[in-house]
Amino acid sequence: MLQQQNRRFGLNTQYSKTVFLVDDDAKLRRLLVKFLRDHSFMVREFPDGGGVVEAIAADEPAAVILDVMMPGEDGLQILRRIRQESAVPVLMLTARGEDEDRISGLELGADDYLPKPFNPRELLARINAVLRRALPRVEEPGALAAAAETVQAGGLALNRRRRTVSAGGKEQELSLTEFKLLDALMTHPGMVLSRDELLDFARGKDFGPFDRSIDVHISRLRTKTEALSAGKRCIKTVWGSGYMFEVDK
């Protein structure tokens, strides 16, 4: 019965615990594959970006773990290709202290990042957090029904099931974090939400506040929503306070 409900609402149950691991470090891949499989995940590994986008379309993984620093096509280039075809949650692995890589990844649509070296348990926690945000928890009354609802405000329609925003017959796909932020803003029109409040909506309370990452995601959301509304800016910055979804009075 549950699988029938999930299929009805577009939730992939067969691959709900499958993750793709893209990293050129064979030793690290072996370690992470064993660790994740020991924690009930199915893992498909890739030494580079070849075939990743096609495999995502065919297998619909729950999430992708993607290293930034790889020879040839790097992780940011691979992420750009992924985002042209899919809104699958992507967690980037970056070198510690490489702020530019993290910011670039967020700008391209990454949902989270983890600097190397890292504890595999933290990676597991972040993957589980991404999956909790990506799918409604079925034990919550009405969660599946809520996932199929459309939120409308300011001339935009946010489809919670498909994770898209549309207007005037045009549609934009959203990354998981973009979706969570826009959902929070559109369900609180005219209300100022602080960065900490948006962080709770978008990433959960298990993570520390990264104000800059929220700003990057908001910038991407503005680009997408303004493309749908002939340049009209719905997301307003309230200096010193946060952001607000503005609707016509």
C-alpha atoms as a PDB file:
ATOM      1  CA  MET A   1       0.000   0.000   0.000  1.00  0.00           C
ATOM      2  CA  LEU A   2       2.782   2.418   0.947  1.00  0.00           C
ATOM      3  CA  GLN A   3       4.649   1.766  -2.310  1.00  0.00           C
ATOM      4  CA  GLN A   4       1.448   2.434  -4.257  1.00  0.00           C
ATOM      5  CA  GLN A   5       1.018   5.755  -2.428  1.00  0.00           C
ATOM      6  CA  ASN A   6       4.634   6.708  -3.076  1.00  0.00           C
ATOM      7  CA  ARG A   7       4.332   5.941  -6.794  1.00  0.00           C
ATOM      8  CA  ARG A   8       1.134   7.975  -6.925  1.00  0.00           C
ATOM      9  CA  PHE A   9       2.930  11.026  -5.565  1.00  0.00           C
ATOM     10  CA  GLY A  10       6.063  10.544  -7.654  1.00  0.00           C
ATOM     11  CA  LEU A  11       8.276   9.218  -4.848  1.00  0.00           C
ATOM     12  CA  ASN A  12      10.846   6.653  -5.944  1.00  0.00           C
ATOM     13  CA  THR A  13      10.818   3.814  -3.414  1.00  0.00           C
ATOM     14  CA  GLN A  14      13.025   1.356  -5.294  1.00  0.00           C
ATOM     15  CA  TYR A  15      15.999   3.703  -5.195  1.00  0.00           C
ATOM     16  CA  SER A  16      15.139   5.654  -2.048  1.00  0.00           C
ATOM     17  CA  LYS A  17      18.353   4.411  -0.383  1.00  0.00           C
ATOM     18  CA  THR A  18      20.635   4.507  -3.438  1.00  0.00           C
ATOM     19  CA  VAL A  19      23.373   7.126  -3.643  1.00  0.00           C
ATOM     20  CA  PHE A  20      25.909   7.832  -6.372  1.00  0.00           C
ATOM     21  CA  LEU A  21      29.510   8.441  -5.294  1.00  0.00           C
ATOM     22  CA  VAL A  22      31.680  10.357  -7.782  1.00  0.00           C
ATOM     23  CA  ASP A  23      35.329  10.627  -6.710  1.00  0.00           C
ATOM     24  CA  ASP A  24      38.637   9.819  -8.419  1.00  0.00           C
ATOM     25  CA  ASP A  25      40.224   8.640  -5.134  1.00  0.00           C
ATOM     26  CA  ALA A  26      39.820   4.842  -5.297  1.00  0.00           C
ATOM     27  CA  LYS A  27      40.891   4.338  -1.669  1.00  0.00           C
ATOM     28  CA  LEU A  28      38.346   6.853  -0.393  1.00  0.00           C
ATOM     29  CA  ARG A  29      35.638   5.346  -2.589  1.00  0.00           C
ATOM     30  CA  ARG A  30      36.278   1.871  -1.151  1.00  0.00           C
ATOM     31  CA  LEU A  31      36.111   3.213   2.399  1.00  0.00           C
ATOM     32  CA  LEU A  32      32.897   5.170   1.800  1.00  0.00           C
ATOM     33  CA  VAL A  33      31.200   2.401  -0.181  1.00  0.00           C
ATOM     34  CA  LYS A  34      31.793  -0.071   2.659  1.00  0.00           C
ATOM     35  CA  PHE A  35      30.711   2.431   5.311  1.00  0.00           C
ATOM     36  CA  LEU A  36      27.508   3.427   3.504  1.00  0.00           C
ATOM     37  CA  ARG A  37      26.603  -0.164   2.658  1.00  0.00           C
ATOM     38  CA  ASP A  38      27.107  -1.067   6.320  1.00  0.00           C
ATOM     39  CA  HIS A  39      24.454   1.581   7.010  1.00  0.00           C
ATOM     40  CA  SER A  40      21.903   0.097   4.584  1.00  0.00           C
ATOM     41  CA  PHE A  41      22.643   2.262   1.552  1.00  0.00           C
ATOM     42  CA  MET A  42      23.085   0.964  -1.956  1.00  0.00           C
ATOM     43  CA  VAL A  43      26.032   2.745  -3.575  1.00  0.00           C
ATOM     44  CA  ARG A  44      27.008   3.110  -7.211  1.00  0.00           C
ATOM     45  CA  GLU A  45      30.503   4.507  -7.641  1.00  0.00           C
ATOM     46  CA  PHE A  46      32.071   6.514 -10.459  1.00  0.00           C
ATOM     47  CA  PRO A  47      35.790   7.401 -10.794  1.00  0.00           C
ATOM     48  CA  ASP A  48      34.881  10.456 -12.899  1.00  0.00           C
ATOM     49  CA  GLY A  49      31.898  12.221 -14.440  1.00  0.00           C
ATOM     50  CA  GLY A  50      31.591   9.946 -17.455  1.00  0.00           C
ATOM     51  CA  GLY A  51      28.085   8.520 -17.630  1.00  0.00           C
ATOM     52  CA  VAL A  52      26.905  10.116 -14.381  1.00  0.00           C
ATOM     53  CA  VAL A  53      24.171  12.305 -15.872  1.00  0.00           C
ATOM     54  CA  GLU A  54      22.840   9.440 -17.977  1.00  0.00           C
ATOM     55  CA  ALA A  55      22.874   7.117 -14.944  1.00  0.00           C
ATOM     56  CA  ILE A  56      20.945   9.674 -12.878  1.00  0.00           C
ATOM     57  CA  ALA A  57      18.234   9.801 -15.540  1.00  0.00           C
ATOM     58  CA  ALA A  58      18.054   6.001 -15.706  1.00  0.00           C
ATOM     59  CA  ASP A  59      18.355   5.043 -12.025  1.00  0.00           C
ATOM     60  CA  GLU A  60      16.967   8.088 -10.156  1.00  0.00           C
ATOM     61  CA  PRO A  61      19.265   7.964  -7.102  1.00  0.00           C
ATOM     62  CA  ALA A  62      18.207   9.602  -3.857  1.00  0.00           C
ATOM     63  CA  ALA A  63      21.360  11.737  -3.766  1.00  0.00           C
ATOM     64  CA  VAL A  64      24.759  12.265  -5.381  1.00  0.00           C
ATOM     65  CA  ILE A  65      28.042  12.678  -3.483  1.00  0.00           C
ATOM     66  CA  LEU A  66      30.344  14.616  -5.796  1.00  0.00           C
ATOM     67  CA  ASP A  67      34.011  15.512  -5.307  1.00  0.00           C
ATOM     68  CA  VAL A  68      35.076  18.924  -6.578  1.00  0.00           C
ATOM     69  CA  MET A  69      38.777  18.297  -7.206  1.00  0.00           C
ATOM     70  CA  MET A  70      39.092  15.694  -9.964  1.00  0.00           C
ATOM     71  CA  PRO A  71      41.393  15.555 -12.997  1.00  0.00           C
ATOM     72  CA  GLY A  72      39.845  16.391 -16.337  1.00  0.00           C
ATOM     73  CA  GLU A  73      36.220  17.394 -15.822  1.00  0.00           C
ATOM     74  CA  ASP A  74      35.988  18.667 -12.249  1.00  0.00           C
ATOM     75  CA  GLY A  75      33.033  18.383  -9.900  1.00  0.00           C
ATOM     76  CA  LEU A  76      31.702  21.858 -10.652  1.00  0.00           C
ATOM     77  CA  GLN A  77      31.545  21.093 -14.379  1.00  0.00           C
ATOM     78  CA  ILE A  78      29.797  17.795 -13.635  1.00  0.00           C
ATOM     79  CA  LEU A  79      27.339  19.574 -11.319  1.00  0.00           C
ATOM     80  CA  ARG A  80      26.537  22.053 -14.080  1.00  0.00           C
ATOM     81  CA  ARG A  81      25.664  19.164 -16.413  1.00  0.00           C
ATOM     82  CA  ILE A  82      23.598  17.455 -13.698  1.00  0.00           C
ATOM     83  CA  ARG A  83      21.575  20.601 -13.061  1.00  0.00           C
ATOM     84  CA  GLN A  84      20.751  20.912 -16.744  1.00  0.00           C
ATOM     85  CA  GLU A  85      18.922  17.585 -16.506  1.00  0.00           C
ATOM     86  CA  SER A  86      18.011  16.856 -12.884  1.00  0.00           C
ATOM     87  CA  ALA A  87      17.154  18.354  -9.489  1.00  0.00           C
ATOM     88  CA  VAL A  88      18.583  15.357  -7.587  1.00  0.00           C
ATOM     89  CA  PRO A  89      20.119  16.443  -4.246  1.00  0.00           C
ATOM     90  CA  VAL A  90      23.902  16.873  -4.579  1.00  0.00           C
ATOM     91  CA  LEU A  91      26.401  16.956  -1.713  1.00  0.00           C
ATOM     92  CA  MET A  92      29.808  18.343  -2.711  1.00  0.00           C
ATOM     93  CA  LEU A  93      33.112  17.201  -1.204  1.00  0.00           C
ATOM     94  CA  THR A  94      35.533  20.138  -1.121  1.00  0.00           C
ATOM     95  CA  ALA A  95      39.075  20.810   0.058  1.00  0.00           C
ATOM     96  CA  ARG A  96      39.138  22.393   3.498  1.00  0.00           C
ATOM     97  CA  GLY A  97      39.364  26.168   3.294  1.00  0.00           C
ATOM     98  CA  GLU A  98      38.395  26.351  -0.394  1.00  0.00           C
ATOM     99  CA  ASP A  99      35.618  28.904   0.064  1.00  0.00           C
ATOM    100  CA  GLU A 100      35.458  29.664  -3.653  1.00  0.00           C
ATOM    101  CA  ASP A 101      34.671  26.023  -4.495  1.00  0.00           C
ATOM    102  CA  ARG A 102      31.894  25.913  -1.904  1.00  0.00           C
ATOM    103  CA  ILE A 103      30.361  29.176  -3.076  1.00  0.00           C
ATOM    104  CA  SER A 104      30.596  28.132  -6.733  1.00  0.00           C
ATOM    105  CA  GLY A 105      28.953  24.811  -5.911  1.00  0.00           C
ATOM    106  CA  LEU A 106      26.080  26.520  -4.119  1.00  0.00           C
ATOM    107  CA  GLU A 107      25.657  28.952  -6.999  1.00  0.00           C
ATOM    108  CA  LEU A 108      25.421  26.026  -9.419  1.00  0.00           C
ATOM    109  CA  GLY A 109      22.761  24.305  -7.316  1.00  0.00           C
ATOM    110  CA  ALA A 110      24.545  22.062  -4.800  1.00  0.00           C
ATOM    111  CA  ASP A 111      22.411  21.302  -1.743  1.00  0.00           C
ATOM    112  CA  ASP A 112      25.189  20.866   0.798  1.00  0.00           C
ATOM    113  CA  TYR A 113      28.954  20.521   1.054  1.00  0.00           C
ATOM    114  CA  LEU A 114      31.461  18.772   3.282  1.00  0.00           C
ATOM    115  CA  PRO A 115      35.162  19.734   3.479  1.00  0.00           C
ATOM    116  CA  LYS A 116      37.862  17.053   3.343  1.00  0.00           C
ATOM    117  CA  PRO A 117      39.100  15.359   5.426  1.00  0.00           C
ATOM    118  CA  PHE A 118      35.847  14.398   7.146  1.00  0.00           C
ATOM    119  CA  ASN A 119      34.433  11.803   9.501  1.00  0.00           C
ATOM    120  CA  PRO A 120      32.282   9.300   7.548  1.00  0.00           C
ATOM    121  CA  ARG A 121      29.670   9.618  10.285  1.00  0.00           C
ATOM    122  CA  GLU A 122      29.245  13.295   9.423  1.00  0.00           C
ATOM    123  CA  LEU A 123      28.811  12.383   5.761  1.00  0.00           C
ATOM    124  CA  LEU A 124      26.153   9.858   6.783  1.00  0.00           C
ATOM    125  CA  ALA A 125      24.381  12.470   8.916  1.00  0.00           C
ATOM    126  CA  ARG A 126      24.356  14.963   6.052  1.00  0.00           C
ATOM    127  CA  ILE A 127      23.058  12.391   3.556  1.00  0.00           C
ATOM    128  CA  ASN A 128      20.269  11.412   5.934  1.00  0.00           C
ATOM    129  CA  ALA A 129      19.418  15.083   6.458  1.00  0.00           C
ATOM    130  CA  VAL A 130      19.213  15.601   2.685  1.00  0.00           C
ATOM    131  CA  LEU A 131      16.930  12.583   2.339  1.00  0.00           C
ATOM    132  CA  ARG A 132      14.679  13.759   5.182  1.00  0.00           C
ATOM    133  CA  ARG A 133      14.288  17.101   3.459  1.00  0.00           C
ATOM    134  CA  ALA A 134      13.747  15.552   0.029  1.00  0.00           C
ATOM    135  CA  LEU A 135      10.864  13.243   0.956  1.00  0.00           C
ATOM    136  CA  PRO A 136       7.899  13.722   3.291  1.00  0.00           C
ATOM    137  CA  ARG A 137       7.932  11.498   6.347  1.00  0.00           C
ATOM    138  CA  VAL A 138       5.067   9.086   5.778  1.00  0.00           C
ATOM    139  CA  GLU A 139       4.332   8.711   9.486  1.00  0.00           C
ATOM    140  CA  GLU A 140       3.207  12.341   9.620  1.00  0.00           C
ATOM    141  CA  PRO A 141      -0.554  12.620   8.999  1.00  0.00           C
ATOM    142  CA  GLY A 142      -1.224  14.148   5.595  1.00  0.00           C
ATOM    143  CA  ALA A 143       2.460  14.329   4.661  1.00  0.00           C
ATOM    144  CA  LEU A 144       2.023  12.612   1.296  1.00  0.00           C
ATOM    145  CA  ALA A 145      -1.003  14.717   0.443  1.00  0.00           C
ATOM    146  CA  ALA A 146       0.846  17.889   1.422  1.00  0.00           C
ATOM    147  CA  ALA A 147       3.703  16.919  -0.889  1.00  0.00           C
ATOM    148  CA  ALA A 148       1.326  17.072  -3.861  1.00  0.00           C
ATOM    149  CA  GLU A 149      -0.030  20.525  -3.063  1.00  0.00           C
ATOM    150  CA  THR A 150       0.795  23.685  -4.978  1.00  0.00           C
ATOM    151  CA  VAL A 151       1.577  26.910  -3.133  1.00  0.00           C
ATOM    152  CA  GLN A 152       0.578  30.072  -4.981  1.00  0.00           C
ATOM    153  CA  ALA A 153       1.696  33.599  -4.163  1.00  0.00           C
ATOM    154  CA  GLY A 154       2.790  36.676  -6.078  1.00  0.00           C
ATOM    155  CA  GLY A 155       1.816  35.161  -9.423  1.00  0.00           C
ATOM    156  CA  LEU A 156       4.074  32.133  -8.876  1.00  0.00           C
ATOM    157  CA  ALA A 157       3.051  28.506  -8.338  1.00  0.00           C
ATOM    158  CA  LEU A 158       5.342  26.233  -6.324  1.00  0.00           C
ATOM    159  CA  ASN A 159       4.778  22.529  -6.956  1.00  0.00           C
ATOM    160  CA  ARG A 160       5.919  20.656  -3.858  1.00  0.00           C
ATOM    161  CA  ARG A 161       5.767  17.239  -5.474  1.00  0.00           C
ATOM    162  CA  ARG A 162       7.781  18.102  -8.579  1.00  0.00           C
ATOM    163  CA  ARG A 163       9.958  20.695  -6.816  1.00  0.00           C
ATOM    164  CA  THR A 164       9.357  23.321  -9.510  1.00  0.00           C
ATOM    165  CA  VAL A 165       8.164  26.916  -9.664  1.00  0.00           C
ATOM    166  CA  SER A 166       6.103  28.167 -12.589  1.00  0.00           C
ATOM    167  CA  ALA A 167       4.280  31.197 -13.983  1.00  0.00           C
ATOM    168  CA  GLY A 168       2.723  32.087 -17.320  1.00  0.00           C
ATOM    169  CA  GLY A 169       3.274  28.631 -18.764  1.00  0.00           C
ATOM    170  CA  LYS A 170       7.004  28.665 -17.966  1.00  0.00           C
ATOM    171  CA  GLU A 171       8.662  26.458 -15.362  1.00  0.00           C
ATOM    172  CA  GLN A 172      11.950  26.339 -13.460  1.00  0.00           C
ATOM    173  CA  GLU A 173      13.386  23.335 -11.615  1.00  0.00           C
ATOM    174  CA  LEU A 174      14.729  23.998  -8.125  1.00  0.00           C
ATOM    175  CA  SER A 175      17.500  22.401  -6.137  1.00  0.00           C
ATOM    176  CA  LEU A 176      16.405  20.962  -2.798  1.00  0.00           C
ATOM    177  CA  THR A 177      17.710  23.937  -0.818  1.00  0.00           C
ATOM    178  CA  GLU A 178      16.192  26.445  -3.256  1.00  0.00           C
ATOM    179  CA  PHE A 179      12.867  24.639  -2.968  1.00  0.00           C
ATOM    180  CA  LYS A 180      12.924  24.692   0.841  1.00  0.00           C
ATOM    181  CA  LEU A 181      13.759  28.400   0.922  1.00  0.00           C
ATOM    182  CA  LEU A 182      11.087  29.365  -1.602  1.00  0.00           C
ATOM    183  CA  ASP A 183       8.525  27.162   0.151  1.00  0.00           C
ATOM    184  CA  ALA A 184       9.244  28.951   3.430  1.00  0.00           C
ATOM    185  CA  LEU A 185       9.027  32.405   1.841  1.00  0.00           C
ATOM    186  CA  MET A 186       5.887  31.737  -0.228  1.00  0.00           C
ATOM    187  CA  THR A 187       4.012  30.207   2.708  1.00  0.00           C
ATOM    188  CA  HIS A 188       4.806  33.322   4.780  1.00  0.00           C
ATOM    189  CA  PRO A 189       4.084  36.149   2.282  1.00  0.00           C
ATOM    190  CA  GLY A 190       4.715  39.614   3.646  1.00  0.00           C
ATOM    191  CA  MET A 191       6.607  38.228   6.657  1.00  0.00           C
ATOM    192  CA  VAL A 192      10.299  38.889   7.216  1.00  0.00           C
ATOM    193  CA  LEU A 193      12.238  35.654   7.808  1.00  0.00           C
ATOM    194  CA  SER A 194      15.705  35.924   9.316  1.00  0.00           C
ATOM    195  CA  ARG A 195      18.670  33.986   7.959  1.00  0.00           C
ATOM    196  CA  ASP A 196      18.571  31.691  10.991  1.00  0.00           C
ATOM    197  CA  GLU A 197      14.873  30.966  10.392  1.00  0.00           C
ATOM    198  CA  LEU A 198      15.516  30.265   6.721  1.00  0.00           C
ATOM    199  CA  LEU A 199      18.426  28.032   7.692  1.00  0.00           C
ATOM    200  CA  ASP A 200      16.097  25.986   9.897  1.00  0.00           C
ATOM    201  CA  PHE A 201      13.671  25.590   6.994  1.00  0.00           C
ATOM    202  CA  ALA A 202      16.350  24.795   4.429  1.00  0.00           C
ATOM    203  CA  ARG A 203      18.989  22.742   6.196  1.00  0.00           C
ATOM    204  CA  GLY A 204      17.704  21.794   9.642  1.00  0.00           C
ATOM    205  CA  LYS A 205      19.102  22.635  13.052  1.00  0.00           C
ATOM    206  CA  ASP A 206      21.911  20.073  12.863  1.00  0.00           C
ATOM    207  CA  PHE A 207      24.094  22.507  10.911  1.00  0.00           C
ATOM    208  CA  GLY A 208      25.696  25.765  11.900  1.00  0.00           C
ATOM    209  CA  PRO A 209      24.578  29.006  10.237  1.00  0.00           C
ATOM    210  CA  PHE A 210      26.320  29.836   6.946  1.00  0.00           C
ATOM    211  CA  ASP A 211      24.839  33.243   6.141  1.00  0.00           C
ATOM    212  CA  ARG A 212      26.737  33.516   2.879  1.00  0.00           C
ATOM    213  CA  SER A 213      25.310  30.224   1.604  1.00  0.00           C
ATOM    214  CA  ILE A 214      21.752  31.438   2.255  1.00  0.00           C
ATOM    215  CA  ASP A 215      22.524  34.622   0.313  1.00  0.00           C
ATOM    216  CA  VAL A 216      23.866  32.599  -2.616  1.00  0.00           C
ATOM    217  CA  HIS A 217      20.739  30.435  -2.764  1.00  0.00           C
ATOM    218  CA  ILE A 218      18.493  33.510  -2.531  1.00  0.00           C
ATOM    219  CA  SER A 219      20.405  35.060  -5.430  1.00  0.00           C
ATOM    220  CA  ARG A 220      19.795  31.940  -7.532  1.00  0.00           C
ATOM    221  CA  LEU A 221      16.119  31.949  -6.563  1.00  0.00           C
ATOM    222  CA  ARG A 222      15.781  35.564  -7.643  1.00  0.00           C
ATOM    223  CA  THR A 223      17.299  34.767 -11.022  1.00  0.00           C
ATOM    224  CA  LYS A 224      14.850  31.907 -11.547  1.00  0.00           C
ATOM    225  CA  THR A 225      11.720  33.660 -10.281  1.00  0.00           C
ATOM    226  CA  GLU A 226      12.460  36.900 -12.131  1.00  0.00           C
ATOM    227  CA  ALA A 227      12.877  34.917 -15.353  1.00  0.00           C
ATOM    228  CA  LEU A 228       9.305  33.703 -14.843  1.00  0.00           C
ATOM    229  CA  SER A 229       7.810  37.076 -13.919  1.00  0.00           C
ATOM    230  CA  ALA A 230       9.324  39.441 -16.511  1.00  0.00           C
ATOM    231  CA  GLY A 231      11.948  40.756 -14.114  1.00  0.00           C
ATOM    232  CA  LYS A 232       9.584  41.390 -11.209  1.00  0.00           C
ATOM    233  CA  ARG A 233      11.407  40.874  -7.897  1.00  0.00           C
ATOM    234  CA  CYS A 234       9.276  38.964  -5.386  1.00  0.00           C
ATOM    235  CA  ILE A 235      12.019  38.201  -2.851  1.00  0.00           C
ATOM    236  CA  LYS A 236      12.896  41.405  -1.030  1.00  0.00           C
ATOM    237  CA  THR A 237      15.947  41.975   1.153  1.00  0.00           C
ATOM    238  CA  VAL A 238      15.083  43.598   4.481  1.00  0.00           C
ATOM    239  CA  TRP A 239      18.444  44.958   5.547  1.00  0.00           C
ATOM    240  CA  GLY A 240      19.561  43.807   8.969  1.00  0.00           C
ATOM    241  CA  SER A 241      16.602  41.444   9.295  1.00  0.00           C
ATOM    242  CA  GLY A 242      16.419  38.887   6.485  1.00  0.00           C
ATOM    243  CA  TYR A 243      14.206  38.271   3.465  1.00  0.00           C
ATOM    244  CA  MET A 244      10.523  38.612   2.625  1.00  0.00           C
ATOM    245  CA  PHE A 245       8.298  37.310  -0.170  1.00  0.00           C
ATOM    246  CA  GLU A 246       6.509  40.433  -1.373  1.00  0.00           C
ATOM    247  CA  VAL A 247       3.075  40.241  -2.982  1.00  0.00           C
ATOM    248  CA  ASP A 248       1.025  42.973  -4.618  1.00  0.00           C
ATOM    249  CA  LYS A 249      -1.438  44.632  -2.302  1.00  0.00           C
END
